[in-house]
PDB file of N, CA and C in Angstrom:
ATOM      1  N   MET A   1       0.752  -1.064   0.037  1.00  0.00           N
ATOM      2  CA  MET A   1       0.240   0.383   0.090  1.00  0.00           C
ATOM      3  C   MET A   1       0.606   0.889   0.118  1.00  0.00           C
ATOM      4  N   LYS A   2       1.619   1.300   1.153  1.00  0.00           N
ATOM      5  CA  LYS A   2       2.679   2.280   0.751  1.00  0.00           C
ATOM      6  C   LYS A   2       3.604   2.252  -0.392  1.00  0.00           C
ATOM      7  N   ARG A   3       3.731   1.758  -0.974  1.00  0.00           N
ATOM      8  CA  ARG A   3       4.592   1.952  -2.440  1.00  0.00           C
ATOM      9  C   ARG A   3       3.446   2.090  -3.752  1.00  0.00           C
ATOM     10  N   MET A   4       2.461   1.664  -3.412  1.00  0.00           N
ATOM     11  CA  MET A   4       1.785   2.396  -4.412  1.00  0.00           C
ATOM     12  C   MET A   4       1.137   3.589  -3.956  1.00  0.00           C
ATOM     13  N   ILE A   5       0.804   4.434  -3.172  1.00  0.00           N
ATOM     14  CA  ILE A   5       0.935   5.746  -2.900  1.00  0.00           C
ATOM     15  C   ILE A   5       2.415   6.481  -3.524  1.00  0.00           C
ATOM     16  N   ILE A   6       3.053   5.878  -2.353  1.00  0.00           N
ATOM     17  CA  ILE A   6       4.191   7.033  -3.549  1.00  0.00           C
ATOM     18  C   ILE A   6       4.392   7.085  -5.180  1.00  0.00           C
ATOM     19  N   ASN A   7       4.313   5.825  -5.576  1.00  0.00           N
ATOM     20  CA  ASN A   7       4.480   5.811  -6.489  1.00  0.00           C
ATOM     21  C   ASN A   7       3.321   6.516  -7.692  1.00  0.00           C
ATOM     22  N   THR A   8       2.122   6.752  -7.208  1.00  0.00           N
ATOM     23  CA  THR A   8       1.009   7.646  -7.588  1.00  0.00           C
ATOM     24  C   THR A   8       1.152   9.181  -7.026  1.00  0.00           C
ATOM     25  N   PHE A   9       1.855   9.296  -6.157  1.00  0.00           N
ATOM     26  CA  PHE A   9       2.350  10.123  -5.923  1.00  0.00           C
ATOM     27  C   PHE A   9       3.381  11.143  -7.248  1.00  0.00           C
ATOM     28  N   LEU A  10       4.585  10.022  -7.172  1.00  0.00           N
ATOM     29  CA  LEU A  10       5.342  10.268  -8.394  1.00  0.00           C
ATOM     30  C   LEU A  10       4.925  11.054  -9.519  1.00  0.00           C
ATOM     31  N   ILE A  11       4.185   9.978 -10.107  1.00  0.00           N
ATOM     32  CA  ILE A  11       3.406  10.085 -11.590  1.00  0.00           C
ATOM     33  C   ILE A  11       2.596  11.472 -11.450  1.00  0.00           C
ATOM     34  N   GLY A  12       1.769  11.734 -10.387  1.00  0.00           N
ATOM     35  CA  GLY A  12       0.979  13.258 -10.515  1.00  0.00           C
ATOM     36  C   GLY A  12       2.322  14.195 -10.498  1.00  0.00           C
ATOM     37  N   THR A  13       3.216  14.354  -9.970  1.00  0.00           N
ATOM     38  CA  THR A  13       4.102  15.126  -9.234  1.00  0.00           C
ATOM     39  C   THR A  13       5.033  15.236 -11.221  1.00  0.00           C
ATOM     40  N   THR A  14       4.701  13.894 -11.834  1.00  0.00           N
ATOM     41  CA  THR A  14       5.655  14.542 -13.216  1.00  0.00           C
ATOM     42  C   THR A  14       4.827  15.232 -13.918  1.00  0.00           C
ATOM     43  N   ALA A  15       3.423  14.600 -13.735  1.00  0.00           N
ATOM     44  CA  ALA A  15       2.116  14.985 -14.834  1.00  0.00           C
ATOM     45  C   ALA A  15       2.503  16.904 -14.297  1.00  0.00           C
ATOM     46  N   VAL A  16       2.449  17.042 -13.341  1.00  0.00           N
ATOM     47  CA  VAL A  16       1.945  18.632 -13.263  1.00  0.00           C
ATOM     48  C   VAL A  16       3.164  19.448 -13.562  1.00  0.00           C
ATOM     49  N   THR A  17       4.531  18.663 -13.356  1.00  0.00           N
ATOM     50  CA  THR A  17       5.615  19.533 -13.459  1.00  0.00           C
ATOM     51  C   THR A  17       5.698  19.726 -15.109  1.00  0.00           C
ATOM     52  N   GLY A  18       5.674  18.558 -15.883  1.00  0.00           N
ATOM     53  CA  GLY A  18       6.164  18.414 -16.965  1.00  0.00           C
ATOM     54  C   GLY A  18       5.409  19.404 -18.277  1.00  0.00           C
ATOM     55  N   SER A  19       3.781  19.590 -17.607  1.00  0.00           N
ATOM     56  CA  SER A  19       2.748  20.387 -18.297  1.00  0.00           C
ATOM     57  C   SER A  19       3.688  21.676 -18.046  1.00  0.00           C
ATOM     58  N   ALA A  20       3.899  22.494 -17.156  1.00  0.00           N
ATOM     59  CA  ALA A  20       4.377  23.417 -16.358  1.00  0.00           C
ATOM     60  C   ALA A  20       5.057  24.178 -17.150  1.00  0.00           C
ATOM     61  N   LEU A  21       6.094  24.039 -17.874  1.00  0.00           N
ATOM     62  CA  LEU A  21       7.497  24.353 -18.274  1.00  0.00           C
ATOM     63  C   LEU A  21       7.557  23.953 -19.709  1.00  0.00           C
ATOM     64  N   SER A  22       6.305  23.748 -20.597  1.00  0.00           N
ATOM     65  CA  SER A  22       6.474  22.980 -21.789  1.00  0.00           C
ATOM     66  C   SER A  22       6.258  24.366 -22.964  1.00  0.00           C
ATOM     67  N   SER A  23       5.971  25.401 -22.235  1.00  0.00           N
ATOM     68  CA  SER A  23       6.380  26.530 -23.545  1.00  0.00           C
ATOM     69  C   SER A  23       6.469  27.863 -22.410  1.00  0.00           C
ATOM     70  N   GLU A  24       6.844  28.846 -23.702  1.00  0.00           N
ATOM     71  CA  GLU A  24       7.451  29.886 -23.254  1.00  0.00           C
ATOM     72  C   GLU A  24       6.775  30.763 -24.104  1.00  0.00           C
ATOM     73  N   MET A  25       6.618  32.636 -23.499  1.00  0.00           N
ATOM     74  CA  MET A  25       6.254  33.576 -24.611  1.00  0.00           C
ATOM     75  C   MET A  25       7.866  34.364 -24.874  1.00  0.00           C
ATOM     76  N   GLN A  26       7.878  34.934 -26.270  1.00  0.00           N
ATOM     77  CA  GLN A  26       9.087  35.538 -26.520  1.00  0.00           C
ATOM     78  C   GLN A  26       8.558  36.500 -27.198  1.00  0.00           C
ATOM     79  N   CYS A  27       9.236  37.477 -27.391  1.00  0.00           N
ATOM     80  CA  CYS A  27       8.887  38.723 -27.847  1.00  0.00           C
ATOM     81  C   CYS A  27      10.305  39.655 -28.918  1.00  0.00           C
ATOM     82  N   PHE A  28      10.108  40.329 -29.765  1.00  0.00           N
ATOM     83  CA  PHE A  28      11.188  41.450 -30.522  1.00  0.00           C
ATOM     84  C   PHE A  28      10.199  42.381 -30.776  1.00  0.00           C
ATOM     85  N   VAL A  29      10.599  43.844 -30.770  1.00  0.00           N
ATOM     86  CA  VAL A  29      10.275  44.807 -31.292  1.00  0.00           C
ATOM     87  C   VAL A  29      11.092  45.236 -32.445  1.00  0.00           C
ATOM     88  N   ASP A  30      10.242  45.082 -33.608  1.00  0.00           N
ATOM     89  CA  ASP A  30      10.360  45.523 -34.982  1.00  0.00           C
ATOM     90  C   ASP A  30      11.237  46.147 -35.233  1.00  0.00           C
ATOM     91  N   THR A  31      12.651  46.694 -35.966  1.00  0.00           N
ATOM     92  CA  THR A  31      13.151  47.640 -36.323  1.00  0.00           C
ATOM     93  C   THR A  31      14.002  47.329 -37.778  1.00  0.00           C
ATOM     94  N   LEU A  32      14.912  48.243 -37.675  1.00  0.00           N
ATOM     95  CA  LEU A  32      15.584  48.260 -39.280  1.00  0.00           C
ATOM     96  C   LEU A  32      16.582  47.015 -39.221  1.00  0.00           C
ATOM     97  N   ALA A  33      17.134  46.990 -38.085  1.00  0.00           N
ATOM     98  CA  ALA A  33      17.933  46.068 -37.746  1.00  0.00           C
ATOM     99  C   ALA A  33      17.290  44.477 -37.735  1.00  0.00           C
ATOM    100  N   TYR A  34      18.652  43.329 -37.690  1.00  0.00           N
ATOM    101  CA  TYR A  34      17.936  42.031 -37.755  1.00  0.00           C
ATOM    102  C   TYR A  34      17.217  42.158 -36.175  1.00  0.00           C
ATOM    103  N   ASP A  35      16.036  41.299 -36.504  1.00  0.00           N
ATOM    104  CA  ASP A  35      15.408  41.338 -34.769  1.00  0.00           C
ATOM    105  C   ASP A  35      15.299  39.870 -34.796  1.00  0.00           C
ATOM    106  N   THR A  36      15.682  39.325 -33.364  1.00  0.00           N
ATOM    107  CA  THR A  36      15.474  37.835 -33.256  1.00  0.00           C
ATOM    108  C   THR A  36      14.342  37.938 -31.979  1.00  0.00           C
ATOM    109  N   PHE A  37      13.828  36.611 -31.616  1.00  0.00           N
ATOM    110  CA  PHE A  37      12.964  36.636 -30.260  1.00  0.00           C
ATOM    111  C   PHE A  37      13.994  36.463 -29.586  1.00  0.00           C
ATOM    112  N   THR A  38      13.200  36.870 -28.235  1.00  0.00           N
ATOM    113  CA  THR A  38      14.487  36.538 -26.992  1.00  0.00           C
ATOM    114  C   THR A  38      13.239  36.074 -26.058  1.00  0.00           C
ATOM    115  N   SER A  39      13.548  35.684 -24.947  1.00  0.00           N
ATOM    116  CA  SER A  39      12.156  34.806 -23.650  1.00  0.00           C
ATOM    117  C   SER A  39      12.885  35.696 -22.590  1.00  0.00           C
ATOM    118  N   GLY A  40      11.757  36.117 -21.935  1.00  0.00           N
ATOM    119  CA  GLY A  40      11.654  37.116 -20.701  1.00  0.00           C
ATOM    120  C   GLY A  40      11.227  38.568 -20.838  1.00  0.00           C
ATOM    121  N   GLY A  41      11.397  39.009 -22.157  1.00  0.00           N
ATOM    122  CA  GLY A  41      11.224  40.264 -22.594  1.00  0.00           C
ATOM    123  C   GLY A  41      11.899  41.050 -23.376  1.00  0.00           C
ATOM    124  N   CYS A  42      11.818  41.982 -24.023  1.00  0.00           N
ATOM    125  CA  CYS A  42      12.851  42.661 -25.130  1.00  0.00           C
ATOM    126  C   CYS A  42      12.308  43.847 -24.766  1.00  0.00           C
ATOM    127  N   LEU A  43      13.638  44.779 -25.584  1.00  0.00           N
ATOM    128  CA  LEU A  43      13.753  45.653 -25.522  1.00  0.00           C
ATOM    129  C   LEU A  43      14.395  46.448 -26.748  1.00  0.00           C
ATOM    130  N   SER A  44      13.813  47.788 -27.140  1.00  0.00           N
ATOM    131  CA  SER A  44      14.528  48.475 -28.871  1.00  0.00           C
ATOM    132  C   SER A  44      14.246  49.357 -28.460  1.00  0.00           C
ATOM    133  N   ALA A  45      15.078  49.957 -29.766  1.00  0.00           N
ATOM    134  CA  ALA A  45      15.455  51.710 -29.762  1.00  0.00           C
ATOM    135  C   ALA A  45      15.665  52.145 -31.284  1.00  0.00           C
ATOM    136  N   ALA A  46      14.661  52.866 -31.126  1.00  0.00           N
ATOM    137  CA  ALA A  46      14.653  53.418 -32.773  1.00  0.00           C
ATOM    138  C   ALA A  46      14.194  54.991 -33.008  1.00  0.00           C
ATOM    139  N   PRO A  47      14.239  55.127 -34.435  1.00  0.00           N
ATOM    140  CA  PRO A  47      13.597  56.626 -34.570  1.00  0.00           C
ATOM    141  C   PRO A  47      11.993  56.554 -34.928  1.00  0.00           C
ATOM    142  N   ALA A  48      12.215  55.833 -35.212  1.00  0.00           N
ATOM    143  CA  ALA A  48      10.327  55.965 -35.973  1.00  0.00           C
ATOM    144  C   ALA A  48       9.579  55.760 -34.466  1.00  0.00           C
ATOM    145  N   ARG A  49       8.099  56.677 -34.708  1.00  0.00           N
ATOM    146  CA  ARG A  49       7.509  57.165 -33.772  1.00  0.00           C
ATOM    147  C   ARG A  49       6.694  55.592 -33.386  1.00  0.00           C
ATOM    148  N   VAL A  50       6.353  54.583 -34.201  1.00  0.00           N
ATOM    149  CA  VAL A  50       5.669  53.604 -34.254  1.00  0.00           C
ATOM    150  C   VAL A  50       6.288  52.545 -34.689  1.00  0.00           C
ATOM    151  N   THR A  51       5.975  51.625 -33.830  1.00  0.00           N
ATOM    152  CA  THR A  51       6.259  50.154 -34.516  1.00  0.00           C
ATOM    153  C   THR A  51       5.838  48.839 -34.213  1.00  0.00           C
ATOM    154  N   SER A  52       5.794  47.718 -34.291  1.00  0.00           N
ATOM    155  CA  SER A  52       5.530  46.892 -33.739  1.00  0.00           C
ATOM    156  C   SER A  52       6.466  45.808 -33.155  1.00  0.00           C
ATOM    157  N   ALA A  53       5.386  45.460 -31.710  1.00  0.00           N
ATOM    158  CA  ALA A  53       6.009  44.446 -31.196  1.00  0.00           C
ATOM    159  C   ALA A  53       5.619  42.881 -31.429  1.00  0.00           C
ATOM    160  N   VAL A  54       6.208  42.151 -31.800  1.00  0.00           N
ATOM    161  CA  VAL A  54       6.048  40.927 -32.178  1.00  0.00           C
ATOM    162  C   VAL A  54       5.967  39.810 -31.112  1.00  0.00           C
ATOM    163  N   PHE A  55       5.214  38.951 -30.827  1.00  0.00           N
ATOM    164  CA  PHE A  55       5.396  38.137 -29.881  1.00  0.00           C
ATOM    165  C   PHE A  55       4.782  36.403 -30.239  1.00  0.00           C
ATOM    166  N   LYS A  56       5.575  35.683 -29.584  1.00  0.00           N
ATOM    167  CA  LYS A  56       5.296  34.415 -30.072  1.00  0.00           C
ATOM    168  C   LYS A  56       5.368  32.926 -29.179  1.00  0.00           C
ATOM    169  N   VAL A  57       4.539  32.168 -29.190  1.00  0.00           N
ATOM    170  CA  VAL A  57       4.634  30.777 -27.980  1.00  0.00           C
ATOM    171  C   VAL A  57       5.765  29.960 -28.411  1.00  0.00           C
ATOM    172  N   SER A  58       6.395  29.704 -28.015  1.00  0.00           N
ATOM    173  CA  SER A  58       7.518  28.653 -28.105  1.00  0.00           C
ATOM    174  C   SER A  58       7.191  27.458 -27.100  1.00  0.00           C
ATOM    175  N   SER A  59       7.238  26.261 -27.971  1.00  0.00           N
ATOM    176  CA  SER A  59       6.461  25.012 -27.110  1.00  0.00           C
ATOM    177  C   SER A  59       7.151  24.027 -27.855  1.00  0.00           C
ATOM    178  N   ASN A  60       7.568  22.733 -26.986  1.00  0.00           N
ATOM    179  CA  ASN A  60       7.753  21.314 -27.814  1.00  0.00           C
ATOM    180  C   ASN A  60       6.183  20.561 -28.083  1.00  0.00           C
ATOM    181  N   ASN A  61       4.995  21.080 -27.408  1.00  0.00           N
ATOM    182  CA  ASN A  61       4.071  20.465 -27.656  1.00  0.00           C
ATOM    183  C   ASN A  61       3.266  20.679 -29.092  1.00  0.00           C
ATOM    184  N   SER A  62       2.543  19.973 -29.333  1.00  0.00           N
ATOM    185  CA  SER A  62       2.010  20.650 -30.767  1.00  0.00           C
ATOM    186  C   SER A  62       0.460  21.590 -30.347  1.00  0.00           C
ATOM    187  N   ILE A  63       0.793  22.830 -30.797  1.00  0.00           N
ATOM    188  CA  ILE A  63      -0.270  23.732 -30.422  1.00  0.00           C
ATOM    189  C   ILE A  63      -1.694  23.771 -31.123  1.00  0.00           C
ATOM    190  N   SER A  64      -2.736  23.974 -30.698  1.00  0.00           N
ATOM    191  CA  SER A  64      -4.100  24.082 -31.513  1.00  0.00           C
ATOM    192  C   SER A  64      -4.481  25.177 -32.189  1.00  0.00           C
ATOM    193  N   SER A  65      -4.574  26.016 -30.582  1.00  0.00           N
ATOM    194  CA  SER A  65      -4.931  27.487 -30.692  1.00  0.00           C
ATOM    195  C   SER A  65      -4.301  28.425 -29.759  1.00  0.00           C
ATOM    196  N   ILE A  66      -4.317  29.529 -29.733  1.00  0.00           N
ATOM    197  CA  ILE A  66      -3.293  30.168 -28.478  1.00  0.00           C
ATOM    198  C   ILE A  66      -4.985  31.396 -28.679  1.00  0.00           C
ATOM    199  N   ILE A  67      -5.051  31.725 -26.962  1.00  0.00           N
ATOM    200  CA  ILE A  67      -5.593  33.047 -26.722  1.00  0.00           C
ATOM    201  C   ILE A  67      -5.043  33.879 -26.459  1.00  0.00           C
ATOM    202  N   TRP A  68      -4.602  35.051 -26.902  1.00  0.00           N
ATOM    203  CA  TRP A  68      -3.584  35.894 -26.486  1.00  0.00           C
ATOM    204  C   TRP A  68      -4.366  36.891 -25.501  1.00  0.00           C
ATOM    205  N   THR A  69      -3.252  37.123 -24.337  1.00  0.00           N
ATOM    206  CA  THR A  69      -4.067  38.134 -23.752  1.00  0.00           C
ATOM    207  C   THR A  69      -3.318  39.447 -22.714  1.00  0.00           C
ATOM    208  N   GLY A  70      -3.614  40.069 -21.989  1.00  0.00           N
ATOM    209  CA  GLY A  70      -3.209  41.209 -22.250  1.00  0.00           C
ATOM    210  C   GLY A  70      -3.316  42.677 -22.894  1.00  0.00           C
ATOM    211  N   ASP A  71      -2.467  43.328 -23.371  1.00  0.00           N
ATOM    212  CA  ASP A  71      -2.600  44.205 -24.510  1.00  0.00           C
ATOM    213  C   ASP A  71      -2.353  43.481 -25.869  1.00  0.00           C
ATOM    214  N   ALA A  72      -2.655  42.245 -26.125  1.00  0.00           N
ATOM    215  CA  ALA A  72      -2.902  41.706 -27.453  1.00  0.00           C
ATOM    216  C   ALA A  72      -4.371  40.919 -27.645  1.00  0.00           C
ATOM    217  N   SER A  73      -4.773  40.923 -26.305  1.00  0.00           N
ATOM    218  CA  SER A  73      -6.264  40.633 -26.092  1.00  0.00           C
ATOM    219  C   SER A  73      -7.163  41.039 -27.165  1.00  0.00           C
ATOM    220  N   GLY A  74      -7.394  40.370 -28.134  1.00  0.00           N
ATOM    221  CA  GLY A  74      -8.870  41.077 -29.059  1.00  0.00           C
ATOM    222  C   GLY A  74      -8.071  41.078 -30.526  1.00  0.00           C
ATOM    223  N   GLN A  75      -6.553  41.218 -30.576  1.00  0.00           N
ATOM    224  CA  GLN A  75      -5.733  42.258 -31.696  1.00  0.00           C
ATOM    225  C   GLN A  75      -5.433  41.107 -32.142  1.00  0.00           C
ATOM    226  N   CYS A  76      -5.170  39.519 -31.559  1.00  0.00           N
ATOM    227  CA  CYS A  76      -4.936  39.019 -32.782  1.00  0.00           C
ATOM    228  C   CYS A  76      -5.399  37.322 -32.871  1.00  0.00           C
ATOM    229  N   ALA A  77      -5.558  36.383 -33.828  1.00  0.00           N
ATOM    230  CA  ALA A  77      -6.716  35.468 -33.996  1.00  0.00           C
ATOM    231  C   ALA A  77      -6.216  34.241 -33.304  1.00  0.00           C
ATOM    232  N   THR A  78      -7.266  33.557 -32.578  1.00  0.00           N
ATOM    233  CA  THR A  78      -6.461  32.393 -31.916  1.00  0.00           C
ATOM    234  C   THR A  78      -5.795  31.357 -32.761  1.00  0.00           C
ATOM    235  N   THR A  79      -5.760  31.581 -34.066  1.00  0.00           N
ATOM    236  CA  THR A  79      -5.225  30.547 -35.023  1.00  0.00           C
ATOM    237  C   THR A  79      -4.015  31.164 -35.641  1.00  0.00           C
ATOM    238  N   ASP A  80      -3.454  32.568 -34.999  1.00  0.00           N
ATOM    239  CA  ASP A  80      -1.904  32.935 -35.262  1.00  0.00           C
ATOM    240  C   ASP A  80      -1.217  32.658 -34.225  1.00  0.00           C
ATOM    241  N   MET A  81       0.041  31.911 -34.628  1.00  0.00           N
ATOM    242  CA  MET A  81       1.033  31.451 -33.713  1.00  0.00           C
ATOM    243  C   MET A  81       1.976  32.478 -33.672  1.00  0.00           C
ATOM    244  N   THR A  82       2.399  33.261 -33.857  1.00  0.00           N
ATOM    245  CA  THR A  82       2.949  34.859 -33.757  1.00  0.00           C
ATOM    246  C   THR A  82       1.252  36.659 -33.641  1.00  0.00           C
ATOM    247  N   CYS A  83       1.793  37.112 -32.425  1.00  0.00           N
ATOM    248  CA  CYS A  83       1.080  38.450 -32.717  1.00  0.00           C
ATOM    249  C   CYS A  83       1.698  39.457 -32.776  1.00  0.00           C
ATOM    250  N   SER A  84       1.327  40.126 -33.830  1.00  0.00           N
ATOM    251  CA  SER A  84       2.526  41.442 -34.140  1.00  0.00           C
ATOM    252  C   SER A  84       1.105  42.450 -33.727  1.00  0.00           C
ATOM    253  N   ILE A  85       1.351  43.271 -32.637  1.00  0.00           N
ATOM    254  CA  ILE A  85       0.834  44.900 -32.301  1.00  0.00           C
ATOM    255  C   ILE A  85       1.431  45.592 -31.878  1.00  0.00           C
ATOM    256  N   ASP A  86       0.930  47.015 -32.734  1.00  0.00           N
ATOM    257  CA  ASP A  86       1.297  48.630 -32.165  1.00  0.00           C
ATOM    258  C   ASP A  86       2.072  48.528 -31.335  1.00  0.00           C
ATOM    259  N   ILE A  87       3.215  49.464 -30.903  1.00  0.00           N
ATOM    260  CA  ILE A  87       3.905  49.817 -29.801  1.00  0.00           C
ATOM    261  C   ILE A  87       4.520  51.175 -30.322  1.00  0.00           C
ATOM    262  N   ARG A  88       4.172  52.031 -29.037  1.00  0.00           N
ATOM    263  CA  ARG A  88       4.944  53.768 -29.422  1.00  0.00           C
ATOM    264  C   ARG A  88       5.722  53.946 -28.706  1.00  0.00           C
ATOM    265  N   GLN A  89       6.727  54.629 -29.080  1.00  0.00           N
ATOM    266  CA  GLN A  89       8.087  55.109 -28.518  1.00  0.00           C
ATOM    267  C   GLN A  89       7.578  55.230 -26.958  1.00  0.00           C
ATOM    268  N   TYR A  90       8.845  55.099 -26.195  1.00  0.00           N
ATOM    269  CA  TYR A  90       8.175  55.110 -24.514  1.00  0.00           C
ATOM    270  C   TYR A  90       7.426  54.531 -24.200  1.00  0.00           C
ATOM    271  N   SER A  91       6.705  53.547 -24.757  1.00  0.00           N
ATOM    272  CA  SER A  91       5.786  52.817 -24.065  1.00  0.00           C
ATOM    273  C   SER A  91       6.187  51.451 -24.095  1.00  0.00           C
ATOM    274  N   SER A  92       5.099  50.640 -23.309  1.00  0.00           N
ATOM    275  CA  SER A  92       5.181  49.428 -23.196  1.00  0.00           C
ATOM    276  C   SER A  92       4.228  48.307 -23.844  1.00  0.00           C
ATOM    277  N   LYS A  93       4.426  47.142 -24.053  1.00  0.00           N
ATOM    278  CA  LYS A  93       3.151  46.394 -23.998  1.00  0.00           C
ATOM    279  C   LYS A  93       3.436  45.019 -23.338  1.00  0.00           C
ATOM    280  N   ASN A  94       2.170  44.771 -22.456  1.00  0.00           N
ATOM    281  CA  ASN A  94       2.416  43.151 -21.662  1.00  0.00           C
ATOM    282  C   ASN A  94       1.450  42.318 -22.598  1.00  0.00           C
ATOM    283  N   VAL A  95       2.293  41.193 -22.786  1.00  0.00           N
ATOM    284  CA  VAL A  95       1.146  40.103 -23.481  1.00  0.00           C
ATOM    285  C   VAL A  95       1.538  38.739 -22.839  1.00  0.00           C
ATOM    286  N   GLY A  96       0.379  38.138 -22.687  1.00  0.00           N
ATOM    287  CA  GLY A  96       0.555  36.226 -22.117  1.00  0.00           C
ATOM    288  C   GLY A  96      -0.437  35.489 -23.350  1.00  0.00           C
ATOM    289  N   ALA A  97      -0.372  34.601 -22.494  1.00  0.00           N
ATOM    290  CA  ALA A  97      -1.312  33.629 -23.767  1.00  0.00           C
ATOM    291  C   ALA A  97      -2.256  32.438 -22.968  1.00  0.00           C
ATOM    292  N   THR A  98      -2.890  31.583 -22.803  1.00  0.00           N
ATOM    293  CA  THR A  98      -3.561  30.969 -22.793  1.00  0.00           C
ATOM    294  C   THR A  98      -3.305  30.097 -24.062  1.00  0.00           C
ATOM    295  N   VAL A  99      -2.445  28.496 -23.965  1.00  0.00           N
ATOM    296  CA  VAL A  99      -2.477  28.116 -24.680  1.00  0.00           C
ATOM    297  C   VAL A  99      -3.076  26.555 -25.105  1.00  0.00           C
ATOM    298  N   LEU A 100      -3.981  25.983 -26.279  1.00  0.00           N
ATOM    299  CA  LEU A 100      -4.751  25.016 -26.317  1.00  0.00           C
ATOM    300  C   LEU A 100      -3.918  24.258 -26.871  1.00  0.00           C
ATOM    301  N   TYR A 101      -3.568  23.092 -26.741  1.00  0.00           N
ATOM    302  CA  TYR A 101      -2.547  22.161 -27.407  1.00  0.00           C
ATOM    303  C   TYR A 101      -3.767  20.959 -27.978  1.00  0.00           C
ATOM    304  N   SER A 102      -2.752  20.158 -28.998  1.00  0.00           N
ATOM    305  CA  SER A 102      -3.732  19.740 -29.634  1.00  0.00           C
ATOM    306  C   SER A 102      -4.414  18.134 -29.101  1.00  0.00           C
ATOM    307  N   ASP A 103      -3.662  17.725 -28.039  1.00  0.00           N
ATOM    308  CA  ASP A 103      -4.445  16.376 -27.148  1.00  0.00           C
ATOM    309  C   ASP A 103      -4.924  16.965 -26.204  1.00  0.00           C
ATOM    310  N   GLY A 104      -5.644  17.992 -26.232  1.00  0.00           N
ATOM    311  CA  GLY A 104      -6.891  18.350 -25.395  1.00  0.00           C
ATOM    312  C   GLY A 104      -6.752  19.507 -23.939  1.00  0.00           C
ATOM    313  N   THR A 105      -5.205  18.986 -23.982  1.00  0.00           N
ATOM    314  CA  THR A 105      -4.941  20.145 -22.589  1.00  0.00           C
ATOM    315  C   THR A 105      -4.556  21.195 -23.159  1.00  0.00           C
ATOM    316  N   TRP A 106      -4.132  22.197 -22.123  1.00  0.00           N
ATOM    317  CA  TRP A 106      -4.008  23.513 -22.386  1.00  0.00           C
ATOM    318  C   TRP A 106      -3.004  24.375 -20.742  1.00  0.00           C
ATOM    319  N   GLU A 107      -2.234  25.306 -21.374  1.00  0.00           N
ATOM    320  CA  GLU A 107      -1.699  25.823 -20.320  1.00  0.00           C
ATOM    321  C   GLU A 107      -1.752  27.398 -20.332  1.00  0.00           C
ATOM    322  N   SER A 108      -1.384  28.011 -18.899  1.00  0.00           N
ATOM    323  CA  SER A 108      -1.409  29.650 -19.023  1.00  0.00           C
ATOM    324  C   SER A 108       0.332  29.980 -19.074  1.00  0.00           C
ATOM    325  N   VAL A 109       0.266  30.468 -20.062  1.00  0.00           N
ATOM    326  CA  VAL A 109       1.867  31.302 -20.091  1.00  0.00           C
ATOM    327  C   VAL A 109       1.679  32.616 -19.600  1.00  0.00           C
ATOM    328  N   PRO A 110       2.615  33.121 -18.999  1.00  0.00           N
ATOM    329  CA  PRO A 110       2.594  34.029 -18.173  1.00  0.00           C
ATOM    330  C   PRO A 110       3.222  35.149 -19.003  1.00  0.00           C
ATOM    331  N   GLN A 111       2.426  36.648 -18.725  1.00  0.00           N
ATOM    332  CA  GLN A 111       2.802  37.725 -19.637  1.00  0.00           C
ATOM    333  C   GLN A 111       4.501  38.207 -19.219  1.00  0.00           C
ATOM    334  N   ILE A 112       4.815  38.441 -20.738  1.00  0.00           N
ATOM    335  CA  ILE A 112       6.273  39.226 -20.571  1.00  0.00           C
ATOM    336  C   ILE A 112       5.840  40.455 -21.047  1.00  0.00           C
ATOM    337  N   THR A 113       7.129  41.625 -21.120  1.00  0.00           N
ATOM    338  CA  THR A 113       6.666  42.703 -21.547  1.00  0.00           C
ATOM    339  C   THR A 113       7.766  43.096 -23.293  1.00  0.00           C
ATOM    340  N   ALA A 114       7.409  44.032 -23.442  1.00  0.00           N
ATOM    341  CA  ALA A 114       7.983  44.302 -24.789  1.00  0.00           C
ATOM    342  C   ALA A 114       8.354  46.176 -24.393  1.00  0.00           C
ATOM    343  N   TRP A 115       8.998  46.844 -24.401  1.00  0.00           N
ATOM    344  CA  TRP A 115       9.631  48.166 -24.109  1.00  0.00           C
ATOM    345  C   TRP A 115      10.146  48.800 -25.567  1.00  0.00           C
ATOM    346  N   TYR A 116       9.940  49.822 -25.727  1.00  0.00           N
ATOM    347  CA  TYR A 116      10.199  50.354 -27.241  1.00  0.00           C
ATOM    348  C   TYR A 116      10.764  52.095 -26.940  1.00  0.00           C
ATOM    349  N   GLU A 117      12.203  52.449 -26.892  1.00  0.00           N
ATOM    350  CA  GLU A 117      12.317  53.811 -26.234  1.00  0.00           C
ATOM    351  C   GLU A 117      12.664  54.687 -27.662  1.00  0.00           C
ATOM    352  N   GLY A 118      12.638  55.617 -27.704  1.00  0.00           N
ATOM    353  CA  GLY A 118      12.932  56.370 -28.951  1.00  0.00           C
ATOM    354  C   GLY A 118      14.377  56.981 -28.890  1.00  0.00           C
ATOM    355  N   LEU A 119      14.807  57.037 -30.226  1.00  0.00           N
ATOM    356  CA  LEU A 119      16.113  57.710 -30.403  1.00  0.00           C
ATOM    357  C   LEU A 119      15.927  59.386 -31.028  1.00  0.00           C
ATOM    358  N   ASP A 120      15.233  60.455 -30.521  1.00  0.00           N
ATOM    359  CA  ASP A 120      15.094  61.788 -30.586  1.00  0.00           C
ATOM    360  C   ASP A 120      16.237  62.326 -30.453  1.00  0.00           C
TER     361      ASP A 120
END
């Protein structure tokens, strides 16, 4: 009996921790330079007054759809694997997501922030 309880605990713990770390949010602020996605947030500076902050969910699992939250709520379709929103100089955009996987499970991905500074 004791062995069965320990095995059940280990299986349950693996299932919870395995899904908690399967996706992450990445972003870049679009400039004339070569831009790459970074995890945990992004920052850029340019003379343009308005540009785009581009967000994506990176996952090892097969994604069915993404419900974009925060400043991207209602701006990007659930079928979009990346989300591009306008960002003005000296401002920031916070974006998170709820990811729906093809196997019927889902995960909430924490928000990250894109900052855009000016070069006046």
